[in-house]
């Protein structure tokens, strides 16, 4: 397909099952042509708990329960997209393409397995446009690790900034991306991130998260336990690499016995130290860093990361970016690249043999392809 401007919407469902994030932008898959507009819609608590309660989600995929849950999530996505379009009447034309993450429940490279909630065909027929999903599955099928998927989006987002540059996405999983002076990319998952902290706060303090980093700020870091956590095999594994949440189940067990505040302080320190440790694997050494994702709203975590990194550290909102909806923005951008046949996966990001597109395109049932 000829490279051309497209109106794209991204739908992102975080591993923490907190919210549906949607974002709209114009892009040709090379450059971001308009500043993305975004919104988030929180999951109802009952729905969130149903998702998080799925211990072995691969066992549920053919059940009525799983299909009903998938339908519910898809309808939430439809309503969120409609809300976004209603809030921005100048962009109310139907999108040219939608990028859809789905609700990722389980991912195992060793088993070439991804279990995801959400129905892309319903989205395609509702909005009468192609919908691209299954990015992770196509990467695993091609021999990749399953992510990270957003480095090429981050390169476009930071096109006008001085390089070399590092971007840390502080989401359920912490990811680091290094961008060289002529667009070279290296990216990998660092470790489990905000997901562990959020689950700790939910279980031990009855809160959705450590708001403003208050628990982490007043708690005492358990240095002995922190040193043990930092010896986790994943942290010492050479990239390319992608986190499977199951890889870190043992961390949860080791934290038991700490007070809510001390646990939050120790987890916060673990996230910051893991980012510092990730620098040892970077072939591109950034001269400055940008922090984005929901974790960048936690001032205690941000302060600790700044103390651990040797170069200047900035927050994404210093550049006017909506730092909490990077996932949705990224999927909008990737969807256009897939539609154009442009590469999304790279040897230095997901570990595929060569640069290649990704994702499965779902067309509306009445559309001529």
Protein backbone atom coordinates (compact mmCIF):
# COMPACT_ATOMS: atom_id res chain seq x y z
CA UNK A 1 0.00 0.00 0.00
CA UNK A 2 1.23 3.52 -0.81
CA UNK A 3 2.45 5.51 2.20
CA UNK A 4 -0.28 8.02 3.05
CA UNK A 5 -1.82 9.85 5.99
CA UNK A 6 -4.29 7.83 8.03
CA UNK A 7 -6.59 8.59 10.94
CA UNK A 8 -5.75 5.88 13.46
CA UNK A 9 -7.16 4.87 16.82
CA UNK A 10 -5.27 2.76 19.33
CA UNK A 11 -6.93 0.71 22.08
CA UNK A 12 -4.71 -0.49 24.91
CA UNK A 13 -5.62 -2.67 27.88
CA UNK A 14 -2.87 -2.77 30.48
CA UNK A 15 -1.81 -5.97 32.25
CA UNK A 16 -2.98 -4.43 35.53
CA UNK A 17 -6.60 -4.46 34.18
CA UNK A 18 -7.07 -0.89 35.39
CA UNK A 19 -8.53 0.85 32.37
CA UNK A 20 -9.30 0.98 28.68
CA UNK A 21 -7.01 3.59 27.08
CA UNK A 22 -7.89 4.93 23.64
CA UNK A 23 -5.95 7.39 21.53
CA UNK A 24 -6.50 9.06 18.16
CA UNK A 25 -3.84 10.47 15.84
CA UNK A 26 -3.03 11.12 12.22
CA UNK A 27 0.09 9.33 11.03
CA UNK A 28 1.58 7.81 7.90
CA UNK A 29 3.42 5.17 9.91
CA UNK A 30 6.66 7.13 9.64
CA UNK A 31 5.84 10.40 11.39
CA UNK A 32 3.22 11.44 13.93
CA UNK A 33 1.35 14.14 12.03
CA UNK A 34 -1.00 15.39 14.77
CA UNK A 35 -0.66 15.42 18.54
CA UNK A 36 -2.55 12.37 19.84
CA UNK A 37 -5.76 12.93 21.80
CA UNK A 38 -6.61 10.29 24.36
CA UNK A 39 -8.85 9.22 27.20
CA UNK A 40 -9.00 6.43 29.77
CA UNK A 41 -12.03 4.59 31.09
CA UNK A 42 -11.49 2.62 34.32
CA UNK A 43 -12.64 -0.98 34.57
CA UNK A 44 -15.49 -1.60 36.99
CA UNK A 45 -13.98 -3.20 40.07
CA UNK A 46 -16.02 -6.37 39.64
CA UNK A 47 -14.74 -6.84 36.07
CA UNK A 48 -11.17 -6.16 37.13
CA UNK A 49 -11.34 -8.81 39.83
CA UNK A 50 -12.83 -11.35 37.41
CA UNK A 51 -9.88 -10.83 35.07
CA UNK A 52 -7.23 -10.95 37.78
CA UNK A 53 -8.79 -14.10 39.26
CA UNK A 54 -7.97 -16.17 36.16
CA UNK A 55 -5.04 -18.19 37.50
CA UNK A 56 -4.61 -20.39 34.43
CA UNK A 57 -6.43 -18.47 31.67
CA UNK A 58 -5.43 -20.92 28.92
CA UNK A 59 -7.81 -23.41 30.55
CA UNK A 60 -10.81 -21.12 29.99
CA UNK A 61 -10.49 -20.14 26.33
CA UNK A 62 -13.31 -22.33 24.97
CA UNK A 63 -15.75 -21.75 27.83
CA UNK A 64 -18.91 -19.57 27.84
CA UNK A 65 -17.39 -17.65 30.78
CA UNK A 66 -14.35 -16.66 28.70
CA UNK A 67 -16.46 -15.65 25.68
CA UNK A 68 -18.81 -13.55 27.80
CA UNK A 69 -15.85 -11.82 29.47
CA UNK A 70 -14.31 -11.12 26.07
CA UNK A 71 -17.60 -9.66 24.83
CA UNK A 72 -17.86 -7.39 27.89
CA UNK A 73 -14.36 -6.03 27.38
CA UNK A 74 -14.96 -5.47 23.67
CA UNK A 75 -18.11 -3.47 24.43
CA UNK A 76 -16.14 -1.31 26.89
CA UNK A 77 -13.65 -0.62 24.10
CA UNK A 78 -16.46 0.34 21.68
CA UNK A 79 -17.92 2.78 24.20
CA UNK A 80 -14.51 4.30 24.96
CA UNK A 81 -13.83 4.93 21.26
CA UNK A 82 -17.25 6.52 20.82
CA UNK A 83 -16.60 8.75 23.85
CA UNK A 84 -13.25 9.83 22.40
CA UNK A 85 -14.78 10.72 19.05
CA UNK A 86 -17.62 12.61 20.74
CA UNK A 87 -15.12 14.68 22.74
CA UNK A 88 -13.25 15.67 19.58
CA UNK A 89 -15.95 16.61 17.03
CA UNK A 90 -13.36 17.77 14.46
CA UNK A 91 -12.10 14.19 14.26
CA UNK A 92 -15.46 12.47 14.15
CA UNK A 93 -14.95 10.81 10.79
CA UNK A 94 -14.61 7.06 11.18
CA UNK A 95 -11.00 5.97 11.63
CA UNK A 96 -9.05 4.45 8.75
CA UNK A 97 -7.64 1.76 11.03
CA UNK A 98 -7.68 0.66 14.68
CA UNK A 99 -4.81 -0.96 16.55
CA UNK A 100 -5.99 -3.25 19.35
CA UNK A 101 -3.90 -4.80 22.12
CA UNK A 102 -6.61 -7.00 23.62
CA UNK A 103 -6.52 -7.86 27.31
CA UNK A 104 -3.37 -9.96 27.62
CA UNK A 105 -3.87 -12.66 30.27
CA UNK A 106 -1.02 -15.06 29.67
CA UNK A 107 2.12 -15.04 27.56
CA UNK A 108 4.80 -17.74 27.36
CA UNK A 109 7.53 -17.67 24.73
CA UNK A 110 8.57 -21.22 25.58
CA UNK A 111 5.06 -22.45 24.75
CA UNK A 112 4.51 -19.99 21.86
CA UNK A 113 1.31 -19.12 23.70
CA UNK A 114 -0.66 -15.89 24.16
CA UNK A 115 -4.11 -15.79 25.77
CA UNK A 116 -6.02 -12.56 25.10
CA UNK A 117 -9.53 -11.22 25.71
CA UNK A 118 -11.28 -9.03 23.15
CA UNK A 119 -12.90 -9.41 19.72
CA UNK A 120 -11.30 -7.48 16.86
CA UNK A 121 -14.00 -8.54 14.36
CA UNK A 122 -16.69 -6.80 16.42
CA UNK A 123 -14.59 -3.62 16.47
CA UNK A 124 -14.03 -3.81 12.70
CA UNK A 125 -17.74 -4.19 11.96
CA UNK A 126 -18.76 -1.52 14.47
CA UNK A 127 -16.43 1.17 13.13
CA UNK A 128 -16.31 -0.07 9.51
CA UNK A 129 -12.53 -0.06 9.28
CA UNK A 130 -9.68 -2.58 9.48
CA UNK A 131 -8.57 -3.57 12.98
CA UNK A 132 -5.06 -4.89 13.60
CA UNK A 133 -4.34 -7.14 16.58
CA UNK A 134 -2.21 -10.20 17.48
CA UNK A 135 1.09 -8.31 17.31
CA UNK A 136 2.57 -10.45 20.06
CA UNK A 137 1.44 -13.71 18.48
CA UNK A 138 2.93 -12.85 15.12
CA UNK A 139 6.23 -11.91 16.80
CA UNK A 140 6.39 -15.22 18.66
CA UNK A 141 5.55 -17.09 15.45
CA UNK A 142 8.43 -15.30 13.70
CA UNK A 143 10.89 -16.35 16.41
CA UNK A 144 10.75 -13.18 18.54
CA UNK A 145 10.36 -12.90 22.28
CA UNK A 146 6.88 -11.29 22.17
CA UNK A 147 7.99 -7.67 22.61
CA UNK A 148 8.67 -4.88 23.22
CA UNK A 149 6.53 -3.59 20.38
CA UNK A 150 6.78 0.20 20.75
CA UNK A 151 10.42 1.15 19.99
CA UNK A 152 9.63 2.27 16.42
CA UNK A 153 6.77 4.41 17.80
CA UNK A 154 9.06 5.91 20.44
CA UNK A 155 11.62 6.72 17.74
CA UNK A 156 8.94 8.67 15.86
CA UNK A 157 7.73 10.33 19.09
CA UNK A 158 11.23 11.57 19.94
CA UNK A 159 12.32 12.41 16.38
CA UNK A 160 13.13 16.04 17.18
CA UNK A 161 14.96 15.39 20.47
CA UNK A 162 18.71 15.10 20.96
CA UNK A 163 20.13 11.58 20.78
CA UNK A 164 21.22 9.13 22.03
CA UNK A 165 18.13 8.98 24.19
CA UNK A 166 16.58 6.46 26.57
CA UNK A 167 12.85 6.01 27.22
CA UNK A 168 11.56 4.05 30.20
CA UNK A 169 7.93 2.93 30.09
CA UNK A 170 6.82 2.48 33.70
CA UNK A 171 3.76 0.29 33.27
CA UNK A 172 2.77 -3.15 34.56
CA UNK A 173 6.03 -4.30 33.00
CA UNK A 174 9.03 -1.95 32.94
CA UNK A 175 10.55 -1.53 29.48
CA UNK A 176 13.63 0.39 28.39
CA UNK A 177 14.27 1.66 24.86
CA UNK A 178 17.52 3.26 23.65
CA UNK A 179 17.46 5.34 20.45
CA UNK A 180 20.67 6.22 18.64
CA UNK A 181 21.62 9.39 16.79
CA UNK A 182 20.53 8.00 13.40
CA UNK A 183 17.49 6.07 14.62
CA UNK A 184 19.17 2.85 15.80
CA UNK A 185 16.98 0.99 18.27
CA UNK A 186 17.53 -1.36 21.18
CA UNK A 187 14.73 -2.30 23.56
CA UNK A 188 13.83 -4.98 26.09
CA UNK A 189 11.70 -5.61 29.15
CA UNK A 190 13.53 -4.84 32.38
CA UNK A 191 11.35 -6.68 34.92
CA UNK A 192 7.89 -6.76 36.37
CA UNK A 193 7.07 -3.21 37.39
CA UNK A 194 3.99 -1.32 38.58
CA UNK A 195 1.90 -4.48 38.35
CA UNK A 196 3.71 -5.90 41.40
CA UNK A 197 3.35 -2.66 43.35
CA UNK A 198 -0.35 -2.30 42.49
CA UNK A 199 -1.12 -5.88 43.49
CA UNK A 200 0.77 -5.40 46.75
CA UNK A 201 -1.27 -2.31 47.59
CA UNK A 202 -4.54 -4.05 46.68
CA UNK A 203 -3.80 -7.08 48.82
CA UNK A 204 -2.10 -5.41 51.79
CA UNK A 205 -3.59 -1.91 51.97
CA UNK A 206 -6.94 -2.18 50.15
CA UNK A 207 -5.91 0.52 47.66
CA UNK A 208 -5.69 0.40 43.88
CA UNK A 209 -2.12 1.71 43.90
CA UNK A 210 0.45 3.55 45.98
CA UNK A 211 -1.08 6.99 45.40
CA UNK A 212 1.63 9.66 45.08
CA UNK A 213 4.15 7.10 46.31
CA UNK A 214 3.13 7.78 49.91
CA UNK A 215 3.58 4.21 51.21
CA UNK A 216 6.87 3.81 49.39
CA UNK A 217 8.10 7.12 50.82
CA UNK A 218 7.38 6.33 54.46
CA UNK A 219 8.27 2.64 54.43
CA UNK A 220 11.70 1.15 55.13
CA UNK A 221 13.47 -0.67 52.31
CA UNK A 222 14.40 -4.19 53.33
CA UNK A 223 17.95 -4.20 51.93
CA UNK A 224 18.52 -7.89 52.49
CA UNK A 225 15.37 -8.80 50.58
CA UNK A 226 16.06 -6.19 47.90
CA UNK A 227 19.48 -7.69 47.22
CA UNK A 228 17.88 -11.10 46.90
CA UNK A 229 15.22 -9.80 44.50
CA UNK A 230 17.89 -8.18 42.34
CA UNK A 231 19.49 -11.59 41.79
CA UNK A 232 16.41 -12.75 39.90
CA UNK A 233 17.58 -14.63 36.78
CA UNK A 234 15.60 -12.44 34.37
CA UNK A 235 17.51 -9.32 35.41
CA UNK A 236 20.80 -11.00 34.50
CA UNK A 237 19.54 -12.44 31.21
CA UNK A 238 20.95 -10.82 28.08
CA UNK A 239 18.42 -9.20 25.71
CA UNK A 240 16.37 -9.49 23.63
CA UNK A 241 13.96 -10.54 26.36
CA UNK A 242 10.32 -10.15 27.32
CA UNK A 243 8.76 -10.60 30.73
CA UNK A 244 6.19 -13.27 31.38
CA UNK A 245 4.38 -12.33 34.57
CA UNK A 246 4.63 -15.93 35.72
CA UNK A 247 8.41 -15.54 35.78
CA UNK A 248 8.10 -13.29 38.82
CA UNK A 249 5.62 -15.20 40.97
CA UNK A 250 8.42 -15.99 43.39
CA UNK A 251 8.94 -12.28 44.13
CA UNK A 252 5.45 -12.08 45.58
CA UNK A 253 6.19 -14.96 47.94
CA UNK A 254 9.41 -13.36 49.15
CA UNK A 255 7.65 -10.11 50.07
CA UNK A 256 5.23 -11.77 52.46
CA UNK A 257 5.83 -10.76 56.06
CA UNK A 258 6.62 -7.12 55.32
CA UNK A 259 4.30 -4.32 56.41
CA UNK A 260 2.31 -2.58 53.65
CA UNK A 261 4.64 0.44 53.72
CA UNK A 262 7.88 -1.57 53.88
CA UNK A 263 6.68 -3.80 51.05
CA UNK A 264 5.83 -0.76 48.90
CA UNK A 265 9.23 0.80 49.66
CA UNK A 266 11.07 -2.42 48.77
CA UNK A 267 9.12 -2.94 45.52
CA UNK A 268 9.68 0.69 44.52
CA UNK A 269 13.40 0.30 45.13
CA UNK A 270 13.40 -2.95 43.13
CA UNK A 271 11.86 -1.21 40.10
CA UNK A 272 14.41 1.64 40.27
CA UNK A 273 17.40 -0.69 40.76
CA UNK A 274 16.25 -2.95 37.91
CA UNK A 275 16.33 0.02 35.52
CA UNK A 276 19.84 0.87 36.62
CA UNK A 277 20.86 -2.76 36.11
CA UNK A 278 19.38 -2.72 32.60
CA UNK A 279 21.93 -0.08 31.55
CA UNK A 280 24.62 -2.77 31.59
CA UNK A 281 22.99 -4.41 28.56
CA UNK A 282 22.60 -1.29 26.41
CA UNK A 283 24.72 -1.03 23.28
CA UNK A 284 23.45 2.54 22.91
CA UNK A 285 24.24 4.59 26.01
CA UNK A 286 21.70 7.44 26.40
CA UNK A 287 22.81 10.93 27.34
CA UNK A 288 19.32 11.68 28.68
CA UNK A 289 16.23 9.71 29.74
CA UNK A 290 12.48 10.18 29.51
CA UNK A 291 10.04 8.48 31.90
CA UNK A 292 6.51 7.68 30.69
CA UNK A 293 3.67 5.38 31.69
CA UNK A 294 1.49 5.32 34.79
CA UNK A 295 4.45 4.75 37.12
CA UNK A 296 5.83 8.19 36.24
CA UNK A 297 3.02 9.65 38.39
CA UNK A 298 4.70 8.10 41.47
CA UNK A 299 7.13 10.77 42.76
CA UNK A 300 8.88 8.34 45.11
CA UNK A 301 9.67 5.99 42.22
CA UNK A 302 10.69 8.87 39.94
CA UNK A 303 13.04 10.25 42.59
CA UNK A 304 14.71 6.88 43.07
CA UNK A 305 15.13 6.36 39.32
CA UNK A 306 16.74 9.81 38.99
CA UNK A 307 19.16 8.85 41.76
CA UNK A 308 20.08 5.61 39.98
CA UNK A 309 20.65 6.94 36.45
CA UNK A 310 23.75 9.00 35.76
CA UNK A 311 22.26 11.13 32.98
CA UNK A 312 19.49 13.78 33.12
CA UNK A 313 15.99 12.34 33.57
CA UNK A 314 12.84 14.05 32.28
CA UNK A 315 9.14 13.26 32.54
CA UNK A 316 7.14 12.81 29.36
CA UNK A 317 4.74 15.61 30.28
CA UNK A 318 7.66 18.06 30.13
CA UNK A 319 7.34 17.65 26.35
CA UNK A 320 3.56 17.99 26.41
CA UNK A 321 2.95 14.26 25.96
CA UNK A 322 0.13 12.39 27.62
CA UNK A 323 2.45 10.00 29.45
CA UNK A 324 -0.30 7.68 30.74
CA UNK A 325 -1.69 6.62 27.35
CA UNK A 326 1.51 5.71 25.50
CA UNK A 327 0.19 2.19 24.99
CA UNK A 328 -2.88 3.36 23.07
CA UNK A 329 -0.81 5.83 21.05
CA UNK A 330 1.66 3.09 20.22
CA UNK A 331 -1.00 0.69 18.95
CA UNK A 332 -2.51 3.40 16.72
CA UNK A 333 0.91 3.99 15.17
CA UNK A 334 1.70 0.29 14.78
CA UNK A 335 -1.63 -0.38 13.10
CA UNK A 336 -0.83 2.11 10.35
CA UNK A 337 2.63 0.61 9.86
CA UNK A 338 1.06 -2.83 9.49
CA UNK A 339 -1.47 -1.49 6.99
CA UNK A 340 1.41 0.03 4.99
CA UNK A 341 3.54 -3.11 5.18
CA UNK A 342 6.22 -1.33 7.24
CA UNK A 343 8.30 -3.23 9.81
CA UNK A 344 7.25 -3.31 13.46
CA UNK A 345 9.56 -6.06 14.71
CA UNK A 346 13.35 -5.80 14.71
CA UNK A 347 16.30 -8.00 15.73
CA UNK A 348 17.39 -5.55 18.44
CA UNK A 349 13.91 -5.19 19.93
CA UNK A 350 12.03 -8.49 19.85
CA UNK A 351 14.83 -10.69 18.52
CA UNK A 352 13.30 -11.64 15.16
CA UNK A 353 15.80 -12.64 12.43
CA UNK A 354 15.12 -9.50 10.35
CA UNK A 355 12.88 -6.42 10.36
CA UNK A 356 9.29 -7.36 9.52
CA UNK A 357 5.63 -6.25 9.88
CA UNK A 358 3.41 -7.72 12.58
CA UNK A 359 -0.22 -8.25 13.44
CA UNK A 360 -3.36 -9.70 11.91
CA UNK A 361 -5.69 -7.39 9.96
CA UNK A 362 -9.43 -7.93 10.50
CA UNK A 363 -11.63 -6.30 7.85
CA UNK A 364 -15.34 -5.46 8.20
CA UNK A 365 -17.44 -8.21 6.72
CA UNK A 366 -18.77 -5.90 3.95
CA UNK A 367 -15.47 -4.22 3.03
CA UNK A 368 -13.71 -4.84 -0.28
CA UNK A 369 -10.05 -5.46 0.54
